[in-house]
Amino acid sequence: MTRAALVLVALLGACLPEPDLGEPLAGGCVAADSDPENDVSFAHDVRPLFDRGMGEAGCSCHNSPTGIGAMLGGLELSSLARLRRGGLTTGAQIVVPGDPCRSYLVQKVSLSPPWGSRMPLNGPPYLTDEEIQLISDWIFEGARDN
């Protein structure tokens, strides 16, 4: 490739727009704990939702470094530490402890994500309203490693 072509590719690449992340859930999210009497456990309540396989409402494309979602989007859900790193688009905003409405994880599994496709990409089935609320409650409670 000539030097001029490399410069042109670099300039065009710099002009690509960032994804429009939009407003968090456009008012469809409530930042509150739906059941303050019960703590949500990452290990027992949230993680099993991620571990579901293909054909189920889960996150199997992101469960290993070689999963298609991890390879293309950079988001790996095989551990809480990797979840917190986020993906190429979301970064650490994937989970904002205490604020599920600003957490891209909640936005992307909800009915109308602000960009891209609703997850899981191979859905339906999608996570149920109750499962999304469970994730939201966990984040509202501080997204603890419990």
N, C-alpha and C. Protein backbone atom coordinates (compact mmCIF):
# COMPACT_ATOMS: atom_id res chain seq x y z
N MET A 1 0.85 -1.16 0.00
CA MET A 1 0.00 0.00 0.00
C MET A 1 0.90 1.23 0.00
N THR A 2 0.54 2.21 -0.81
CA THR A 2 1.37 3.42 -0.89
C THR A 2 1.17 4.26 0.36
N ARG A 3 2.10 5.15 0.54
CA ARG A 3 2.02 6.05 1.71
C ARG A 3 0.75 6.89 1.67
N ALA A 4 0.40 7.40 0.48
CA ALA A 4 -0.82 8.21 0.34
C ALA A 4 -2.06 7.39 0.70
N ALA A 5 -2.07 6.13 0.30
CA ALA A 5 -3.22 5.27 0.62
C ALA A 5 -3.31 5.04 2.12
N LEU A 6 -2.17 4.84 2.77
CA LEU A 6 -2.17 4.66 4.23
C LEU A 6 -2.68 5.90 4.93
N VAL A 7 -2.27 7.08 4.47
CA VAL A 7 -2.75 8.33 5.07
C VAL A 7 -4.25 8.46 4.87
N LEU A 8 -4.75 8.14 3.69
CA LEU A 8 -6.17 8.22 3.40
C LEU A 8 -6.96 7.27 4.30
N VAL A 9 -6.49 6.04 4.47
CA VAL A 9 -7.15 5.07 5.35
C VAL A 9 -7.16 5.59 6.78
N ALA A 10 -6.06 6.15 7.24
CA ALA A 10 -5.98 6.68 8.60
C ALA A 10 -6.96 7.83 8.79
N LEU A 11 -7.04 8.72 7.80
CA LEU A 11 -7.95 9.86 7.90
C LEU A 11 -9.41 9.41 7.89
N LEU A 12 -9.73 8.49 7.01
CA LEU A 12 -11.10 8.00 6.94
C LEU A 12 -11.48 7.27 8.22
N GLY A 13 -10.55 6.49 8.76
CA GLY A 13 -10.81 5.78 10.00
C GLY A 13 -11.07 6.73 11.15
N ALA A 14 -10.38 7.86 11.16
CA ALA A 14 -10.56 8.84 12.23
C ALA A 14 -11.91 9.54 12.11
N CYS A 15 -12.52 9.49 10.92
CA CYS A 15 -13.79 10.17 10.71
C CYS A 15 -15.00 9.30 11.02
N LEU A 16 -14.77 8.03 11.28
CA LEU A 16 -15.90 7.16 11.59
C LEU A 16 -16.55 7.62 12.88
N PRO A 17 -17.87 7.75 12.88
CA PRO A 17 -18.54 8.24 14.09
C PRO A 17 -18.53 7.19 15.19
N GLU A 18 -18.51 7.66 16.42
CA GLU A 18 -18.67 6.77 17.56
C GLU A 18 -20.13 6.30 17.56
N PRO A 19 -20.41 5.13 18.10
CA PRO A 19 -21.80 4.68 18.13
C PRO A 19 -22.64 5.64 18.97
N ASP A 20 -23.85 5.90 18.52
CA ASP A 20 -24.76 6.75 19.26
C ASP A 20 -25.32 5.95 20.42
N LEU A 21 -24.83 6.20 21.61
CA LEU A 21 -25.24 5.43 22.76
C LEU A 21 -26.58 5.90 23.30
N GLY A 22 -27.02 7.08 22.91
CA GLY A 22 -28.34 7.56 23.29
C GLY A 22 -28.50 7.78 24.77
N GLU A 23 -29.68 8.19 25.13
CA GLU A 23 -30.01 8.38 26.53
C GLU A 23 -30.25 7.02 27.17
N PRO A 24 -29.82 6.84 28.41
CA PRO A 24 -30.03 5.56 29.08
C PRO A 24 -31.50 5.15 29.11
N LEU A 25 -31.84 4.15 28.35
CA LEU A 25 -33.17 3.55 28.30
C LEU A 25 -34.31 4.52 28.06
N ALA A 26 -34.01 5.74 27.70
CA ALA A 26 -35.04 6.72 27.35
C ALA A 26 -36.20 6.72 28.32
N GLY A 27 -35.91 6.73 29.60
CA GLY A 27 -36.95 6.80 30.62
C GLY A 27 -37.57 5.47 30.99
N GLY A 28 -37.16 4.37 30.36
CA GLY A 28 -37.76 3.07 30.65
C GLY A 28 -37.13 2.34 31.81
N CYS A 29 -36.19 2.96 32.47
CA CYS A 29 -35.47 2.31 33.56
C CYS A 29 -35.79 3.02 34.88
N VAL A 30 -35.94 2.23 35.92
CA VAL A 30 -36.17 2.77 37.25
C VAL A 30 -34.98 2.38 38.12
N ALA A 31 -34.25 3.38 38.60
CA ALA A 31 -33.08 3.13 39.44
C ALA A 31 -33.54 2.95 40.89
N ALA A 32 -34.00 1.75 41.17
CA ALA A 32 -34.45 1.41 42.53
C ALA A 32 -34.35 -0.09 42.69
N ASP A 33 -34.27 -0.51 43.94
CA ASP A 33 -34.23 -1.93 44.25
C ASP A 33 -35.67 -2.42 44.36
N SER A 34 -36.05 -3.37 43.53
CA SER A 34 -37.44 -3.84 43.53
C SER A 34 -37.78 -4.65 44.78
N ASP A 35 -36.76 -5.15 45.47
CA ASP A 35 -36.98 -5.96 46.67
C ASP A 35 -35.86 -5.68 47.68
N PRO A 36 -35.92 -4.54 48.36
CA PRO A 36 -34.83 -4.13 49.25
C PRO A 36 -34.58 -5.10 50.41
N GLU A 37 -35.52 -5.96 50.70
CA GLU A 37 -35.35 -6.92 51.80
C GLU A 37 -34.42 -8.07 51.44
N ASN A 38 -34.21 -8.29 50.14
CA ASN A 38 -33.39 -9.41 49.68
C ASN A 38 -32.22 -8.91 48.85
N ASP A 39 -30.99 -9.31 49.25
CA ASP A 39 -29.80 -8.97 48.48
C ASP A 39 -29.67 -9.92 47.30
N VAL A 40 -29.28 -9.36 46.16
CA VAL A 40 -29.04 -10.17 44.97
C VAL A 40 -27.58 -10.60 44.99
N SER A 41 -27.33 -11.87 44.75
CA SER A 41 -25.98 -12.42 44.72
C SER A 41 -25.50 -12.54 43.28
N PHE A 42 -24.29 -12.04 43.02
CA PHE A 42 -23.73 -12.21 41.68
C PHE A 42 -23.57 -13.70 41.38
N ALA A 43 -22.94 -14.43 42.30
CA ALA A 43 -22.63 -15.84 42.06
C ALA A 43 -23.87 -16.71 41.92
N HIS A 44 -24.88 -16.45 42.72
CA HIS A 44 -26.05 -17.34 42.74
C HIS A 44 -27.22 -16.87 41.88
N ASP A 45 -27.32 -15.56 41.64
CA ASP A 45 -28.48 -15.04 40.91
C ASP A 45 -28.14 -14.52 39.51
N VAL A 46 -27.07 -13.74 39.40
CA VAL A 46 -26.75 -13.07 38.13
C VAL A 46 -25.91 -13.95 37.22
N ARG A 47 -24.83 -14.48 37.73
CA ARG A 47 -23.92 -15.29 36.91
C ARG A 47 -24.62 -16.43 36.19
N PRO A 48 -25.54 -17.15 36.82
CA PRO A 48 -26.23 -18.23 36.09
C PRO A 48 -26.99 -17.74 34.85
N LEU A 49 -27.43 -16.49 34.84
CA LEU A 49 -28.10 -15.95 33.66
C LEU A 49 -27.10 -15.86 32.50
N PHE A 50 -25.85 -15.49 32.81
CA PHE A 50 -24.82 -15.38 31.78
C PHE A 50 -24.40 -16.74 31.25
N ASP A 51 -24.47 -17.75 32.09
CA ASP A 51 -23.94 -19.07 31.76
C ASP A 51 -24.85 -19.92 30.88
N ARG A 52 -26.03 -19.45 30.60
CA ARG A 52 -26.94 -20.23 29.76
C ARG A 52 -26.36 -20.42 28.37
N GLY A 53 -26.69 -21.54 27.77
CA GLY A 53 -26.15 -21.88 26.45
C GLY A 53 -26.98 -21.33 25.30
N MET A 54 -26.53 -21.67 24.10
CA MET A 54 -27.23 -21.26 22.87
C MET A 54 -28.65 -21.80 22.90
N GLY A 55 -29.58 -21.01 22.38
CA GLY A 55 -30.97 -21.42 22.35
C GLY A 55 -31.71 -21.05 23.62
N GLU A 56 -30.98 -20.58 24.62
CA GLU A 56 -31.58 -20.12 25.85
C GLU A 56 -31.35 -18.61 25.94
N ALA A 57 -32.10 -17.94 26.80
CA ALA A 57 -31.90 -16.52 27.01
C ALA A 57 -30.69 -16.35 27.91
N GLY A 58 -29.54 -16.22 27.32
CA GLY A 58 -28.31 -16.08 28.08
C GLY A 58 -27.23 -15.40 27.27
N CYS A 59 -26.01 -15.51 27.73
CA CYS A 59 -24.90 -14.75 27.17
C CYS A 59 -23.76 -15.64 26.71
N SER A 60 -24.07 -16.79 26.13
CA SER A 60 -23.04 -17.76 25.78
C SER A 60 -22.01 -17.22 24.79
N CYS A 61 -22.35 -16.25 23.97
CA CYS A 61 -21.39 -15.69 23.01
C CYS A 61 -20.29 -14.89 23.71
N HIS A 62 -20.51 -14.55 24.97
CA HIS A 62 -19.55 -13.74 25.72
C HIS A 62 -18.90 -14.50 26.86
N ASN A 63 -19.09 -15.82 26.94
CA ASN A 63 -18.65 -16.58 28.12
C ASN A 63 -17.22 -17.10 28.08
N SER A 64 -16.50 -16.85 27.01
CA SER A 64 -15.09 -17.28 26.96
C SER A 64 -14.35 -16.32 26.03
N PRO A 65 -13.04 -16.29 26.12
CA PRO A 65 -12.28 -15.42 25.23
C PRO A 65 -12.45 -15.76 23.75
N THR A 66 -12.86 -16.99 23.47
CA THR A 66 -13.03 -17.40 22.07
C THR A 66 -14.49 -17.32 21.61
N GLY A 67 -15.38 -16.87 22.47
CA GLY A 67 -16.78 -16.68 22.07
C GLY A 67 -16.88 -15.55 21.07
N ILE A 68 -17.82 -15.64 20.15
CA ILE A 68 -17.95 -14.64 19.08
C ILE A 68 -18.19 -13.24 19.64
N GLY A 69 -18.98 -13.12 20.71
CA GLY A 69 -19.23 -11.81 21.31
C GLY A 69 -18.00 -11.23 21.96
N ALA A 70 -17.19 -12.09 22.57
CA ALA A 70 -15.94 -11.63 23.18
C ALA A 70 -14.94 -11.23 22.11
N MET A 71 -14.87 -12.00 21.04
CA MET A 71 -13.90 -11.69 19.99
C MET A 71 -14.29 -10.43 19.22
N LEU A 72 -15.57 -10.28 18.88
CA LEU A 72 -15.99 -9.12 18.09
C LEU A 72 -16.20 -7.87 18.92
N GLY A 73 -16.81 -8.02 20.09
CA GLY A 73 -17.15 -6.85 20.90
C GLY A 73 -16.25 -6.62 22.09
N GLY A 74 -15.38 -7.57 22.38
CA GLY A 74 -14.47 -7.41 23.50
C GLY A 74 -15.07 -7.63 24.87
N LEU A 75 -16.35 -7.99 24.94
CA LEU A 75 -17.00 -8.19 26.23
C LEU A 75 -16.98 -9.66 26.58
N GLU A 76 -16.31 -9.97 27.68
CA GLU A 76 -16.26 -11.34 28.16
C GLU A 76 -16.89 -11.40 29.55
N LEU A 77 -17.79 -12.36 29.73
CA LEU A 77 -18.55 -12.48 30.97
C LEU A 77 -18.17 -13.71 31.78
N SER A 78 -16.97 -14.23 31.57
CA SER A 78 -16.57 -15.46 32.25
C SER A 78 -16.21 -15.23 33.71
N SER A 79 -16.07 -13.99 34.12
CA SER A 79 -15.81 -13.67 35.53
C SER A 79 -16.30 -12.24 35.78
N LEU A 80 -16.48 -11.91 37.04
CA LEU A 80 -16.91 -10.55 37.38
C LEU A 80 -15.85 -9.54 36.98
N ALA A 81 -14.58 -9.87 37.17
CA ALA A 81 -13.50 -8.95 36.79
C ALA A 81 -13.54 -8.64 35.30
N ARG A 82 -13.78 -9.65 34.48
CA ARG A 82 -13.84 -9.43 33.04
C ARG A 82 -15.10 -8.67 32.65
N LEU A 83 -16.20 -8.93 33.31
CA LEU A 83 -17.42 -8.17 33.08
C LEU A 83 -17.16 -6.69 33.36
N ARG A 84 -16.54 -6.39 34.48
CA ARG A 84 -16.29 -4.99 34.87
C ARG A 84 -15.41 -4.24 33.87
N ARG A 85 -14.55 -4.96 33.14
CA ARG A 85 -13.72 -4.30 32.12
C ARG A 85 -14.57 -3.81 30.95
N GLY A 86 -15.69 -4.48 30.72
CA GLY A 86 -16.57 -4.10 29.63
C GLY A 86 -16.03 -4.49 28.28
N GLY A 87 -16.68 -4.00 27.25
CA GLY A 87 -16.30 -4.31 25.88
C GLY A 87 -15.70 -3.11 25.19
N LEU A 88 -15.51 -3.24 23.89
CA LEU A 88 -14.90 -2.18 23.11
C LEU A 88 -15.73 -0.90 23.12
N THR A 89 -17.03 -1.02 23.08
CA THR A 89 -17.91 0.14 23.06
C THR A 89 -18.27 0.63 24.45
N THR A 90 -18.44 -0.28 25.38
CA THR A 90 -18.96 0.08 26.69
C THR A 90 -17.91 0.44 27.71
N GLY A 91 -16.76 -0.21 27.65
CA GLY A 91 -15.74 0.00 28.69
C GLY A 91 -16.34 -0.25 30.06
N ALA A 92 -15.86 0.46 31.04
CA ALA A 92 -16.29 0.26 32.42
C ALA A 92 -17.74 0.69 32.65
N GLN A 93 -18.36 1.36 31.70
CA GLN A 93 -19.77 1.75 31.83
C GLN A 93 -20.71 0.55 31.68
N ILE A 94 -20.17 -0.62 31.41
CA ILE A 94 -21.00 -1.82 31.30
C ILE A 94 -21.79 -2.02 32.58
N VAL A 95 -21.15 -1.76 33.73
CA VAL A 95 -21.83 -1.83 35.02
C VAL A 95 -21.40 -0.61 35.82
N VAL A 96 -22.37 0.24 36.14
CA VAL A 96 -22.12 1.42 36.97
C VAL A 96 -22.73 1.12 38.33
N PRO A 97 -21.92 0.68 39.30
CA PRO A 97 -22.47 0.29 40.61
C PRO A 97 -23.37 1.39 41.18
N GLY A 98 -24.57 0.98 41.58
CA GLY A 98 -25.54 1.90 42.14
C GLY A 98 -26.44 2.56 41.11
N ASP A 99 -26.14 2.41 39.82
CA ASP A 99 -26.93 3.10 38.79
C ASP A 99 -27.22 2.17 37.60
N PRO A 100 -28.22 1.32 37.74
CA PRO A 100 -28.52 0.39 36.64
C PRO A 100 -28.94 1.09 35.36
N CYS A 101 -29.52 2.27 35.45
CA CYS A 101 -30.00 2.96 34.25
C CYS A 101 -28.85 3.49 33.39
N ARG A 102 -27.70 3.72 33.97
CA ARG A 102 -26.52 4.13 33.21
C ARG A 102 -25.65 2.94 32.84
N SER A 103 -25.98 1.77 33.30
CA SER A 103 -25.21 0.57 33.04
C SER A 103 -25.62 -0.03 31.70
N TYR A 104 -24.66 -0.13 30.78
CA TYR A 104 -24.97 -0.64 29.45
C TYR A 104 -25.45 -2.08 29.47
N LEU A 105 -25.06 -2.84 30.48
CA LEU A 105 -25.53 -4.22 30.58
C LEU A 105 -27.05 -4.24 30.65
N VAL A 106 -27.64 -3.42 31.49
CA VAL A 106 -29.10 -3.36 31.62
C VAL A 106 -29.71 -2.85 30.32
N GLN A 107 -29.10 -1.84 29.73
CA GLN A 107 -29.64 -1.27 28.50
C GLN A 107 -29.66 -2.29 27.36
N LYS A 108 -28.58 -3.06 27.21
CA LYS A 108 -28.48 -3.97 26.07
C LYS A 108 -29.38 -5.19 26.19
N VAL A 109 -29.76 -5.60 27.39
CA VAL A 109 -30.66 -6.74 27.52
C VAL A 109 -32.12 -6.31 27.59
N SER A 110 -32.36 -5.00 27.64
CA SER A 110 -33.72 -4.48 27.74
C SER A 110 -34.36 -4.35 26.37
N LEU A 111 -35.63 -4.05 26.38
CA LEU A 111 -36.46 -4.03 25.17
C LEU A 111 -35.91 -3.12 24.07
N SER A 112 -35.44 -1.93 24.41
CA SER A 112 -35.00 -0.98 23.39
C SER A 112 -33.62 -0.44 23.70
N PRO A 113 -32.57 -1.19 23.34
CA PRO A 113 -31.22 -0.68 23.61
C PRO A 113 -30.97 0.59 22.82
N PRO A 114 -30.15 1.50 23.34
CA PRO A 114 -29.92 2.77 22.65
C PRO A 114 -29.06 2.66 21.40
N TRP A 115 -28.41 1.53 21.17
CA TRP A 115 -27.64 1.29 19.94
C TRP A 115 -27.54 -0.21 19.73
N GLY A 116 -27.39 -0.58 18.50
CA GLY A 116 -27.18 -1.99 18.17
C GLY A 116 -28.38 -2.85 18.48
N SER A 117 -28.13 -4.12 18.52
CA SER A 117 -29.18 -5.11 18.73
C SER A 117 -29.38 -5.41 20.21
N ARG A 118 -30.60 -5.81 20.52
CA ARG A 118 -30.88 -6.29 21.85
C ARG A 118 -30.14 -7.61 22.05
N MET A 119 -29.66 -7.83 23.25
CA MET A 119 -28.94 -9.06 23.56
C MET A 119 -29.83 -10.00 24.36
N PRO A 120 -29.71 -11.28 24.21
CA PRO A 120 -28.73 -11.94 23.36
C PRO A 120 -29.10 -11.82 21.89
N LEU A 121 -28.06 -11.71 21.09
CA LEU A 121 -28.23 -11.50 19.65
C LEU A 121 -29.00 -12.65 19.00
N ASN A 122 -28.85 -13.85 19.54
CA ASN A 122 -29.55 -15.00 18.97
C ASN A 122 -30.98 -15.14 19.51
N GLY A 123 -31.46 -14.12 20.26
CA GLY A 123 -32.81 -14.17 20.81
C GLY A 123 -33.83 -13.86 19.74
N PRO A 124 -35.11 -14.10 19.98
CA PRO A 124 -35.59 -14.65 21.22
C PRO A 124 -35.22 -16.11 21.38
N PRO A 125 -35.21 -16.60 22.59
CA PRO A 125 -35.72 -15.94 23.78
C PRO A 125 -34.73 -14.90 24.33
N TYR A 126 -35.30 -13.90 24.97
CA TYR A 126 -34.54 -12.87 25.66
C TYR A 126 -34.71 -13.09 27.16
N LEU A 127 -33.92 -12.36 27.93
CA LEU A 127 -34.11 -12.40 29.37
C LEU A 127 -35.51 -11.90 29.69
N THR A 128 -36.13 -12.47 30.70
CA THR A 128 -37.46 -12.03 31.09
C THR A 128 -37.36 -10.70 31.84
N ASP A 129 -38.48 -10.04 31.99
CA ASP A 129 -38.51 -8.79 32.76
C ASP A 129 -37.98 -9.01 34.17
N GLU A 130 -38.32 -10.16 34.75
CA GLU A 130 -37.87 -10.47 36.11
C GLU A 130 -36.35 -10.66 36.16
N GLU A 131 -35.79 -11.30 35.14
CA GLU A 131 -34.34 -11.51 35.09
C GLU A 131 -33.60 -10.19 34.89
N ILE A 132 -34.14 -9.33 34.03
CA ILE A 132 -33.55 -8.01 33.84
C ILE A 132 -33.62 -7.21 35.14
N GLN A 133 -34.74 -7.32 35.84
CA GLN A 133 -34.88 -6.63 37.12
C GLN A 133 -33.88 -7.16 38.14
N LEU A 134 -33.61 -8.44 38.12
CA LEU A 134 -32.62 -9.04 39.02
C LEU A 134 -31.24 -8.44 38.77
N ILE A 135 -30.85 -8.32 37.51
CA ILE A 135 -29.56 -7.69 37.16
C ILE A 135 -29.57 -6.24 37.61
N SER A 136 -30.66 -5.55 37.34
CA SER A 136 -30.79 -4.14 37.74
C SER A 136 -30.68 -3.98 39.26
N ASP A 137 -31.35 -4.86 40.00
CA ASP A 137 -31.28 -4.81 41.47
C ASP A 137 -29.85 -5.05 41.95
N TRP A 138 -29.17 -6.02 41.35
CA TRP A 138 -27.78 -6.31 41.72
C TRP A 138 -26.90 -5.07 41.51
N ILE A 139 -27.08 -4.41 40.39
CA ILE A 139 -26.29 -3.20 40.11
C ILE A 139 -26.67 -2.09 41.09
N PHE A 140 -27.97 -1.92 41.32
CA PHE A 140 -28.42 -0.87 42.26
C PHE A 140 -27.84 -1.10 43.65
N GLU A 141 -27.72 -2.36 44.04
CA GLU A 141 -27.17 -2.72 45.35
C GLU A 141 -25.65 -2.58 45.41
N GLY A 142 -25.03 -2.14 44.34
CA GLY A 142 -23.59 -1.89 44.33
C GLY A 142 -22.78 -2.84 43.47
N ALA A 143 -23.44 -3.75 42.77
CA ALA A 143 -22.76 -4.70 41.87
C ALA A 143 -21.61 -5.42 42.60
N ARG A 144 -21.95 -5.93 43.76
CA ARG A 144 -20.93 -6.58 44.62
C ARG A 144 -20.56 -7.97 44.11
N ASP A 145 -19.38 -8.39 44.50
CA ASP A 145 -18.89 -9.73 44.19
C ASP A 145 -19.33 -10.63 45.34
N ASN A 146 -20.59 -11.00 45.34
CA ASN A 146 -21.15 -11.79 46.43
C ASN A 146 -21.81 -13.05 45.91
